[in-house]
PDB file of all heavy atoms in Angstrom:
ATOM      1  N   PHE A   1    -114.963  57.324  98.920  1.00  0.00           N
ATOM      2  CA  PHE A   1    -114.691  56.027  99.388  1.00  0.00           C
ATOM      3  C   PHE A   1    -115.590  55.029  98.551  1.00  0.00           C
ATOM      4  O   PHE A   1    -115.146  53.903  98.144  1.00  0.00           O
ATOM      5  CB  PHE A   1    -114.992  55.820 100.801  1.00  0.00           C
ATOM      6  CG  PHE A   1    -113.925  56.397 101.697  1.00  0.00           C
ATOM      7  CD1 PHE A   1    -114.185  57.547 102.526  1.00  0.00           C
ATOM      8  CD2 PHE A   1    -112.598  55.844 101.705  1.00  0.00           C
ATOM      9  CE1 PHE A   1    -113.101  57.983 103.372  1.00  0.00           C
ATOM     10  CE2 PHE A   1    -111.618  56.300 102.466  1.00  0.00           C
ATOM     11  CZ  PHE A   1    -111.801  57.425 103.269  1.00  0.00           C
ATOM     12  N   ALA A   2    -116.857  55.265  98.350  1.00  0.00           N
ATOM     13  CA  ALA A   2    -117.771  54.375  97.598  1.00  0.00           C
ATOM     14  C   ALA A   2    -117.241  54.217  96.201  1.00  0.00           C
ATOM     15  O   ALA A   2    -117.273  53.154  95.666  1.00  0.00           O
ATOM     16  CB  ALA A   2    -119.204  54.952  97.619  1.00  0.00           C
ATOM     17  N   ALA A   3    -116.847  55.310  95.538  1.00  0.00           N
ATOM     18  CA  ALA A   3    -116.396  55.227  94.075  1.00  0.00           C
ATOM     19  C   ALA A   3    -115.044  54.483  94.152  1.00  0.00           C
ATOM     20  O   ALA A   3    -114.767  53.870  93.109  1.00  0.00           O
ATOM     21  CB  ALA A   3    -116.199  56.660  93.578  1.00  0.00           C
ATOM     22  N   SER A   4    -114.276  54.602  95.107  1.00  0.00           N
ATOM     23  CA  SER A   4    -112.974  53.799  95.169  1.00  0.00           C
ATOM     24  C   SER A   4    -113.184  52.373  95.274  1.00  0.00           C
ATOM     25  O   SER A   4    -112.650  51.521  94.602  1.00  0.00           O
ATOM     26  CB  SER A   4    -112.137  54.330  96.404  1.00  0.00           C
ATOM     27  OG  SER A   4    -111.804  55.611  96.326  1.00  0.00           O
ATOM     28  N   VAL A   5    -114.254  51.891  96.043  1.00  0.00           N
ATOM     29  CA  VAL A   5    -114.626  50.603  96.134  1.00  0.00           C
ATOM     30  C   VAL A   5    -115.119  50.032  94.858  1.00  0.00           C
ATOM     31  O   VAL A   5    -114.693  48.972  94.408  1.00  0.00           O
ATOM     32  CB  VAL A   5    -115.700  50.384  97.251  1.00  0.00           C
ATOM     33  CG1 VAL A   5    -116.160  48.963  97.264  1.00  0.00           C
ATOM     34  CG2 VAL A   5    -115.116  50.625  98.591  1.00  0.00           C
ATOM     35  N   VAL A   6    -115.961  50.888  94.127  1.00  0.00           N
ATOM     36  CA  VAL A   6    -116.505  50.398  92.849  1.00  0.00           C
ATOM     37  C   VAL A   6    -115.351  50.271  91.819  1.00  0.00           C
ATOM     38  O   VAL A   6    -115.374  49.350  90.942  1.00  0.00           O
ATOM     39  CB  VAL A   6    -117.499  51.387  92.349  1.00  0.00           C
ATOM     40  CG1 VAL A   6    -117.808  51.134  90.808  1.00  0.00           C
ATOM     41  CG2 VAL A   6    -118.802  51.414  93.188  1.00  0.00           C
ATOM     42  N   LEU A   7    -114.367  51.104  91.910  1.00  0.00           N
ATOM     43  CA  LEU A   7    -113.137  51.058  91.025  1.00  0.00           C
ATOM     44  C   LEU A   7    -112.194  49.987  91.316  1.00  0.00           C
ATOM     45  O   LEU A   7    -111.702  49.217  90.417  1.00  0.00           O
ATOM     46  CB  LEU A   7    -112.473  52.382  91.069  1.00  0.00           C
ATOM     47  CG  LEU A   7    -111.208  52.604  90.119  1.00  0.00           C
ATOM     48  CD1 LEU A   7    -111.596  52.473  88.670  1.00  0.00           C
ATOM     49  CD2 LEU A   7    -110.544  53.882  90.398  1.00  0.00           C
ATOM     50  N   LEU A   8    -111.959  49.743  92.585  1.00  0.00           N
ATOM     51  CA  LEU A   8    -110.947  48.803  93.006  1.00  0.00           C
ATOM     52  C   LEU A   8    -111.340  47.333  92.997  1.00  0.00           C
ATOM     53  O   LEU A   8    -110.612  46.453  92.501  1.00  0.00           O
ATOM     54  CB  LEU A   8    -110.364  49.221  94.450  1.00  0.00           C
ATOM     55  CG  LEU A   8    -109.275  50.172  94.577  1.00  0.00           C
ATOM     56  CD1 LEU A   8    -109.628  51.485  93.946  1.00  0.00           C
ATOM     57  CD2 LEU A   8    -108.857  50.343  95.996  1.00  0.00           C
ATOM     58  N   VAL A   9    -112.436  47.035  93.518  1.00  0.00           N
ATOM     59  CA  VAL A   9    -112.834  45.629  93.787  1.00  0.00           C
ATOM     60  C   VAL A   9    -113.088  44.773  92.514  1.00  0.00           C
ATOM     61  O   VAL A   9    -112.405  43.771  92.304  1.00  0.00           O
ATOM     62  CB  VAL A   9    -114.061  45.551  94.786  1.00  0.00           C
ATOM     63  CG1 VAL A   9    -114.504  44.131  94.877  1.00  0.00           C
ATOM     64  CG2 VAL A   9    -113.788  46.182  96.101  1.00  0.00           C
ATOM     65  N   PRO A  10    -114.013  45.175  91.617  1.00  0.00           N
ATOM     66  CA  PRO A  10    -114.192  44.379  90.410  1.00  0.00           C
ATOM     67  C   PRO A  10    -112.937  44.323  89.518  1.00  0.00           C
ATOM     68  O   PRO A  10    -112.683  43.316  88.882  1.00  0.00           O
ATOM     69  CB  PRO A  10    -115.335  45.080  89.726  1.00  0.00           C
ATOM     70  CG  PRO A  10    -115.514  46.355  90.281  1.00  0.00           C
ATOM     71  CD  PRO A  10    -114.870  46.353  91.618  1.00  0.00           C
ATOM     72  N   THR A  11    -112.215  45.417  89.430  1.00  0.00           N
ATOM     73  CA  THR A  11    -111.083  45.485  88.471  1.00  0.00           C
ATOM     74  C   THR A  11    -109.970  44.613  89.023  1.00  0.00           C
ATOM     75  O   THR A  11    -109.327  43.841  88.324  1.00  0.00           O
ATOM     76  CB  THR A  11    -110.514  46.916  88.385  1.00  0.00           C
ATOM     77  OG1 THR A  11    -110.332  47.483  89.586  1.00  0.00           O
ATOM     78  CG2 THR A  11    -111.522  47.726  87.559  1.00  0.00           C
ATOM     79  N   THR A  12    -109.772  44.569  90.356  1.00  0.00           N
ATOM     80  CA  THR A  12    -108.699  43.740  90.996  1.00  0.00           C
ATOM     81  C   THR A  12    -109.163  42.240  90.827  1.00  0.00           C
ATOM     82  O   THR A  12    -108.236  41.446  90.495  1.00  0.00           O
ATOM     83  CB  THR A  12    -108.607  44.093  92.468  1.00  0.00           C
ATOM     84  OG1 THR A  12    -108.222  45.405  92.645  1.00  0.00           O
ATOM     85  CG2 THR A  12    -107.586  43.158  93.166  1.00  0.00           C
ATOM     86  N   MET A  13    -110.338  41.980  91.028  1.00  0.00           N
ATOM     87  CA  MET A  13    -110.820  40.602  90.881  1.00  0.00           C
ATOM     88  C   MET A  13    -110.570  40.081  89.556  1.00  0.00           C
ATOM     89  O   MET A  13    -110.269  38.935  89.285  1.00  0.00           O
ATOM     90  CB  MET A  13    -112.272  40.406  91.342  1.00  0.00           C
ATOM     91  CG  MET A  13    -112.614  39.027  91.858  1.00  0.00           C
ATOM     92  SD  MET A  13    -111.513  38.544  93.249  1.00  0.00           S
ATOM     93  CE  MET A  13    -111.894  39.875  94.439  1.00  0.00           C
ATOM     94  N   LEU A  14    -110.880  40.919  88.506  1.00  0.00           N
ATOM     95  CA  LEU A  14    -110.672  40.562  87.133  1.00  0.00           C
ATOM     96  C   LEU A  14    -109.241  40.266  86.770  1.00  0.00           C
ATOM     97  O   LEU A  14    -108.883  39.351  86.139  1.00  0.00           O
ATOM     98  CB  LEU A  14    -111.307  41.597  86.277  1.00  0.00           C
ATOM     99  CG  LEU A  14    -111.283  41.307  84.619  1.00  0.00           C
ATOM    100  CD1 LEU A  14    -112.112  40.082  84.307  1.00  0.00           C
ATOM    101  CD2 LEU A  14    -111.701  42.490  83.895  1.00  0.00           C
ATOM    102  N   ALA A  15    -108.323  41.151  87.327  1.00  0.00           N
ATOM    103  CA  ALA A  15    -106.939  41.033  87.074  1.00  0.00           C
ATOM    104  C   ALA A  15    -106.410  39.770  87.748  1.00  0.00           C
ATOM    105  O   ALA A  15    -105.639  38.967  87.168  1.00  0.00           O
ATOM    106  CB  ALA A  15    -106.241  42.219  87.598  1.00  0.00           C
ATOM    107  N   ILE A  16    -106.785  39.485  88.914  1.00  0.00           N
ATOM    108  CA  ILE A  16    -106.337  38.319  89.619  1.00  0.00           C
ATOM    109  C   ILE A  16    -106.881  37.024  88.950  1.00  0.00           C
ATOM    110  O   ILE A  16    -106.163  36.047  88.852  1.00  0.00           O
ATOM    111  CB  ILE A  16    -106.808  38.293  91.073  1.00  0.00           C
ATOM    112  CG1 ILE A  16    -106.207  39.510  91.919  1.00  0.00           C
ATOM    113  CG2 ILE A  16    -106.469  37.025  91.765  1.00  0.00           C
ATOM    114  CD1 ILE A  16    -104.664  39.392  92.080  1.00  0.00           C
ATOM    115  N   LEU A  17    -108.038  37.133  88.356  1.00  0.00           N
ATOM    116  CA  LEU A  17    -108.662  36.054  87.664  1.00  0.00           C
ATOM    117  C   LEU A  17    -107.663  35.692  86.467  1.00  0.00           C
ATOM    118  O   LEU A  17    -107.412  34.495  86.215  1.00  0.00           O
ATOM    119  CB  LEU A  17    -110.052  36.294  87.228  1.00  0.00           C
ATOM    120  CG  LEU A  17    -110.724  35.228  86.293  1.00  0.00           C
ATOM    121  CD1 LEU A  17    -110.874  33.914  87.060  1.00  0.00           C
ATOM    122  CD2 LEU A  17    -112.050  35.755  85.801  1.00  0.00           C
ATOM    123  N   TYR A  18    -107.377  36.693  85.655  1.00  0.00           N
ATOM    124  CA  TYR A  18    -106.538  36.418  84.559  1.00  0.00           C
ATOM    125  C   TYR A  18    -105.101  35.871  84.980  1.00  0.00           C
ATOM    126  O   TYR A  18    -104.610  34.973  84.277  1.00  0.00           O
ATOM    127  CB  TYR A  18    -106.270  37.753  83.765  1.00  0.00           C
ATOM    128  CG  TYR A  18    -107.472  38.169  82.928  1.00  0.00           C
ATOM    129  CD1 TYR A  18    -107.720  39.601  82.750  1.00  0.00           C
ATOM    130  CD2 TYR A  18    -108.381  37.293  82.407  1.00  0.00           C
ATOM    131  CE1 TYR A  18    -108.740  39.961  81.963  1.00  0.00           C
ATOM    132  CE2 TYR A  18    -109.549  37.794  81.820  1.00  0.00           C
ATOM    133  CZ  TYR A  18    -109.686  39.119  81.517  1.00  0.00           C
ATOM    134  OH  TYR A  18    -110.775  39.539  80.807  1.00  0.00           O
ATOM    135  N   SER A  19    -104.619  36.416  86.036  1.00  0.00           N
ATOM    136  CA  SER A  19    -103.368  35.975  86.522  1.00  0.00           C
ATOM    137  C   SER A  19    -103.274  34.527  87.049  1.00  0.00           C
ATOM    138  O   SER A  19    -102.335  33.838  86.991  1.00  0.00           O
ATOM    139  CB  SER A  19    -102.831  36.875  87.751  1.00  0.00           C
ATOM    140  OG  SER A  19    -101.571  36.546  88.134  1.00  0.00           O
ATOM    141  N   SER A  20    -104.523  34.109  87.593  1.00  0.00           N
ATOM    142  CA  SER A  20    -104.607  32.796  88.067  1.00  0.00           C
ATOM    143  C   SER A  20    -104.752  31.687  87.043  1.00  0.00           C
ATOM    144  O   SER A  20    -104.608  30.524  87.287  1.00  0.00           O
ATOM    145  CB  SER A  20    -105.771  32.662  89.058  1.00  0.00           C
ATOM    146  OG  SER A  20    -107.029  32.829  88.409  1.00  0.00           O
ATOM    147  N   PHE A  21    -105.103  32.049  85.748  1.00  0.00           N
ATOM    148  CA  PHE A  21    -105.338  31.127  84.719  1.00  0.00           C
ATOM    149  C   PHE A  21    -104.068  30.766  83.880  1.00  0.00           C
ATOM    150  O   PHE A  21    -104.214  30.024  82.950  1.00  0.00           O
ATOM    151  CB  PHE A  21    -106.441  31.535  83.848  1.00  0.00           C
ATOM    152  CG  PHE A  21    -107.801  31.112  84.296  1.00  0.00           C
ATOM    153  CD1 PHE A  21    -108.609  31.853  85.169  1.00  0.00           C
ATOM    154  CD2 PHE A  21    -108.294  29.855  83.852  1.00  0.00           C
ATOM    155  CE1 PHE A  21    -109.834  31.425  85.540  1.00  0.00           C
ATOM    156  CE2 PHE A  21    -109.562  29.468  84.289  1.00  0.00           C
ATOM    157  CZ  PHE A  21    -110.370  30.190  85.149  1.00  0.00           C
ATOM    158  N   THR A  22    -103.060  31.444  84.210  1.00  0.00           N
ATOM    159  CA  THR A  22    -101.769  31.139  83.350  1.00  0.00           C
ATOM    160  C   THR A  22    -100.602  31.290  84.312  1.00  0.00           C
ATOM    161  O   THR A  22    -100.573  32.118  85.315  1.00  0.00           O
ATOM    162  CB  THR A  22    -101.681  32.041  82.195  1.00  0.00           C
ATOM    163  OG1 THR A  22    -100.495  31.792  81.489  1.00  0.00           O
ATOM    164  CG2 THR A  22    -101.793  33.546  82.631  1.00  0.00           C
ATOM    165  N   SER A  23     -99.514  30.547  83.997  1.00  0.00           N
ATOM    166  CA  SER A  23     -98.253  30.691  84.722  1.00  0.00           C
ATOM    167  C   SER A  23     -97.377  31.660  84.048  1.00  0.00           C
ATOM    168  O   SER A  23     -96.249  31.982  84.427  1.00  0.00           O
ATOM    169  CB  SER A  23     -97.565  29.358  84.879  1.00  0.00           C
ATOM    170  OG  SER A  23     -97.333  28.711  83.607  1.00  0.00           O
ATOM    171  N   GLU A  24     -97.787  32.101  82.859  1.00  0.00           N
ATOM    172  CA  GLU A  24     -97.011  33.095  82.104  1.00  0.00           C
ATOM    173  C   GLU A  24     -97.637  34.454  82.223  1.00  0.00           C
ATOM    174  O   GLU A  24     -98.750  34.808  81.783  1.00  0.00           O
ATOM    175  CB  GLU A  24     -96.960  32.730  80.591  1.00  0.00           C
ATOM    176  CG  GLU A  24     -96.260  31.402  80.297  1.00  0.00           C
ATOM    177  CD  GLU A  24     -94.745  31.529  80.517  1.00  0.00           C
ATOM    178  OE1 GLU A  24     -94.238  32.732  80.505  1.00  0.00           O
ATOM    179  OE2 GLU A  24     -94.117  30.429  80.742  1.00  0.00           O
ATOM    180  N   SER A  25     -96.896  35.342  82.858  1.00  0.00           N
ATOM    181  CA  SER A  25     -97.435  36.644  83.231  1.00  0.00           C
ATOM    182  C   SER A  25     -97.752  37.569  81.969  1.00  0.00           C
ATOM    183  O   SER A  25     -98.694  38.326  81.994  1.00  0.00           O
ATOM    184  CB  SER A  25     -96.493  37.445  84.079  1.00  0.00           C
ATOM    185  OG  SER A  25     -95.240  37.602  83.516  1.00  0.00           O
ATOM    186  N   ARG A  26     -97.049  37.293  80.842  1.00  0.00           N
ATOM    187  CA  ARG A  26     -97.374  38.043  79.757  1.00  0.00           C
ATOM    188  C   ARG A  26     -98.671  37.804  79.156  1.00  0.00           C
ATOM    189  O   ARG A  26     -99.222  38.734  78.566  1.00  0.00           O
ATOM    190  CB  ARG A  26     -96.237  37.793  78.698  1.00  0.00           C
ATOM    191  CG  ARG A  26     -96.150  36.419  78.139  1.00  0.00           C
ATOM    192  CD  ARG A  26     -95.049  36.368  77.061  1.00  0.00           C
ATOM    193  NE  ARG A  26     -94.914  35.034  76.518  1.00  0.00           N
ATOM    194  CZ  ARG A  26     -94.119  34.126  77.102  1.00  0.00           C
ATOM    195  NH1 ARG A  26     -93.488  34.363  78.123  1.00  0.00           N
ATOM    196  NH2 ARG A  26     -94.050  32.844  76.487  1.00  0.00           N
ATOM    197  N   TYR A  27     -99.218  36.614  79.214  1.00  0.00           N
ATOM    198  CA  TYR A  27    -100.566  36.235  78.763  1.00  0.00           C
ATOM    199  C   TYR A  27    -101.623  36.977  79.610  1.00  0.00           C
ATOM    200  O   TYR A  27    -102.558  37.576  79.080  1.00  0.00           O
ATOM    201  CB  TYR A  27    -100.789  34.741  78.823  1.00  0.00           C
ATOM    202  CG  TYR A  27     -99.885  33.928  77.901  1.00  0.00           C
ATOM    203  CD1 TYR A  27     -99.483  32.686  78.309  1.00  0.00           C
ATOM    204  CD2 TYR A  27     -99.400  34.491  76.712  1.00  0.00           C
ATOM    205  CE1 TYR A  27     -98.641  31.946  77.475  1.00  0.00           C
ATOM    206  CE2 TYR A  27     -98.510  33.744  75.916  1.00  0.00           C
ATOM    207  CZ  TYR A  27     -98.157  32.525  76.219  1.00  0.00           C
ATOM    208  OH  TYR A  27     -97.295  31.847  75.483  1.00  0.00           O
ATOM    209  N   ALA A  28    -101.400  37.039  80.949  1.00  0.00           N
ATOM    210  CA  ALA A  28    -102.290  37.776  81.799  1.00  0.00           C
ATOM    211  C   ALA A  28    -102.204  39.301  81.548  1.00  0.00           C
ATOM    212  O   ALA A  28    -103.315  39.877  81.560  1.00  0.00           O
ATOM    213  CB  ALA A  28    -101.936  37.455  83.306  1.00  0.00           C
ATOM    214  N   THR A  29    -101.059  39.794  81.247  1.00  0.00           N
ATOM    215  CA  THR A  29    -101.062  41.254  80.895  1.00  0.00           C
ATOM    216  C   THR A  29    -101.748  41.557  79.661  1.00  0.00           C
ATOM    217  O   THR A  29    -102.458  42.479  79.546  1.00  0.00           O
ATOM    218  CB  THR A  29     -99.514  41.566  80.760  1.00  0.00           C
ATOM    219  OG1 THR A  29     -98.865  41.288  81.978  1.00  0.00           O
ATOM    220  CG2 THR A  29     -99.388  43.117  80.454  1.00  0.00           C
ATOM    221  N   PHE A  30    -101.540  40.679  78.677  1.00  0.00           N
ATOM    222  CA  PHE A  30    -102.289  40.889  77.282  1.00  0.00           C
ATOM    223  C   PHE A  30    -103.746  40.823  77.488  1.00  0.00           C
ATOM    224  O   PHE A  30    -104.466  41.575  76.974  1.00  0.00           O
ATOM    225  CB  PHE A  30    -101.780  39.751  76.312  1.00  0.00           C
ATOM    226  CG  PHE A  30    -102.501  39.943  75.017  1.00  0.00           C
ATOM    227  CD1 PHE A  30    -102.163  40.851  74.009  1.00  0.00           C
ATOM    228  CD2 PHE A  30    -103.615  38.983  74.761  1.00  0.00           C
ATOM    229  CE1 PHE A  30    -102.849  41.007  72.855  1.00  0.00           C
ATOM    230  CE2 PHE A  30    -104.298  39.025  73.552  1.00  0.00           C
ATOM    231  CZ  PHE A  30    -103.933  40.074  72.676  1.00  0.00           C
ATOM    232  N   ALA A  31    -104.194  39.835  78.272  1.00  0.00           N
ATOM    233  CA  ALA A  31    -105.690  39.714  78.495  1.00  0.00           C
ATOM    234  C   ALA A  31    -106.269  40.907  79.285  1.00  0.00           C
ATOM    235  O   ALA A  31    -107.406  41.403  78.854  1.00  0.00           O
ATOM    236  CB  ALA A  31    -106.020  38.418  79.196  1.00  0.00           C
ATOM    237  N   TRP A  32    -105.554  41.467  80.116  1.00  0.00           N
ATOM    238  CA  TRP A  32    -105.887  42.639  80.944  1.00  0.00           C
ATOM    239  C   TRP A  32    -106.149  43.825  80.085  1.00  0.00           C
ATOM    240  O   TRP A  32    -107.179  44.414  80.032  1.00  0.00           O
ATOM    241  CB  TRP A  32    -104.994  42.828  82.016  1.00  0.00           C
ATOM    242  CG  TRP A  32    -105.253  44.102  82.738  1.00  0.00           C
ATOM    243  CD1 TRP A  32    -104.526  45.287  82.650  1.00  0.00           C
ATOM    244  CD2 TRP A  32    -106.306  44.409  83.680  1.00  0.00           C
ATOM    245  NE1 TRP A  32    -104.981  46.275  83.493  1.00  0.00           N
ATOM    246  CE2 TRP A  32    -106.169  45.788  84.071  1.00  0.00           C
ATOM    247  CE3 TRP A  32    -107.368  43.690  84.185  1.00  0.00           C
ATOM    248  CZ2 TRP A  32    -106.930  46.445  84.987  1.00  0.00           C
ATOM    249  CZ3 TRP A  32    -108.298  44.322  85.086  1.00  0.00           C
ATOM    250  CH2 TRP A  32    -108.000  45.689  85.493  1.00  0.00           C
ATOM    251  N   PHE A  33    -105.128  44.154  79.275  1.00  0.00           N
ATOM    252  CA  PHE A  33    -105.244  45.367  78.345  1.00  0.00           C
ATOM    253  C   PHE A  33    -106.150  45.171  77.333  1.00  0.00           C
ATOM    254  O   PHE A  33    -106.814  46.128  76.860  1.00  0.00           O
ATOM    255  CB  PHE A  33    -103.757  45.712  77.932  1.00  0.00           C
ATOM    256  CG  PHE A  33    -102.930  46.371  78.945  1.00  0.00           C
ATOM    257  CD1 PHE A  33    -101.854  45.701  79.424  1.00  0.00           C
ATOM    258  CD2 PHE A  33    -103.205  47.574  79.431  1.00  0.00           C
ATOM    259  CE1 PHE A  33    -100.952  46.241  80.372  1.00  0.00           C
ATOM    260  CE2 PHE A  33    -102.272  48.218  80.431  1.00  0.00           C
ATOM    261  CZ  PHE A  33    -101.253  47.534  80.895  1.00  0.00           C
ATOM    262  N   ALA A  34    -106.181  43.964  76.802  1.00  0.00           N
ATOM    263  CA  ALA A  34    -107.152  43.610  75.652  1.00  0.00           C
ATOM    264  C   ALA A  34    -108.630  43.825  76.102  1.00  0.00           C
ATOM    265  O   ALA A  34    -109.375  44.310  75.321  1.00  0.00           O
ATOM    266  CB  ALA A  34    -106.974  42.201  75.118  1.00  0.00           C
ATOM    267  N   THR A  35    -108.931  43.468  77.311  1.00  0.00           N
ATOM    268  CA  THR A  35    -110.330  43.647  77.816  1.00  0.00           C
ATOM    269  C   THR A  35    -110.674  45.034  77.781  1.00  0.00           C
ATOM    270  O   THR A  35    -111.869  45.428  77.433  1.00  0.00           O
ATOM    271  CB  THR A  35    -110.309  43.111  79.305  1.00  0.00           C
ATOM    272  OG1 THR A  35    -110.086  41.620  79.306  1.00  0.00           O
ATOM    273  CG2 THR A  35    -111.748  43.263  79.856  1.00  0.00           C
TER     274      THR A  35
END
């Protein structure tokens, strides 16, 4: 459970951050994989 929290929480927040900065989903997808 602890390892799941470490894996889920920061990665989700980073992905949501990229998604919130653009209305074009392809840009958010590119930024996510590029990271």
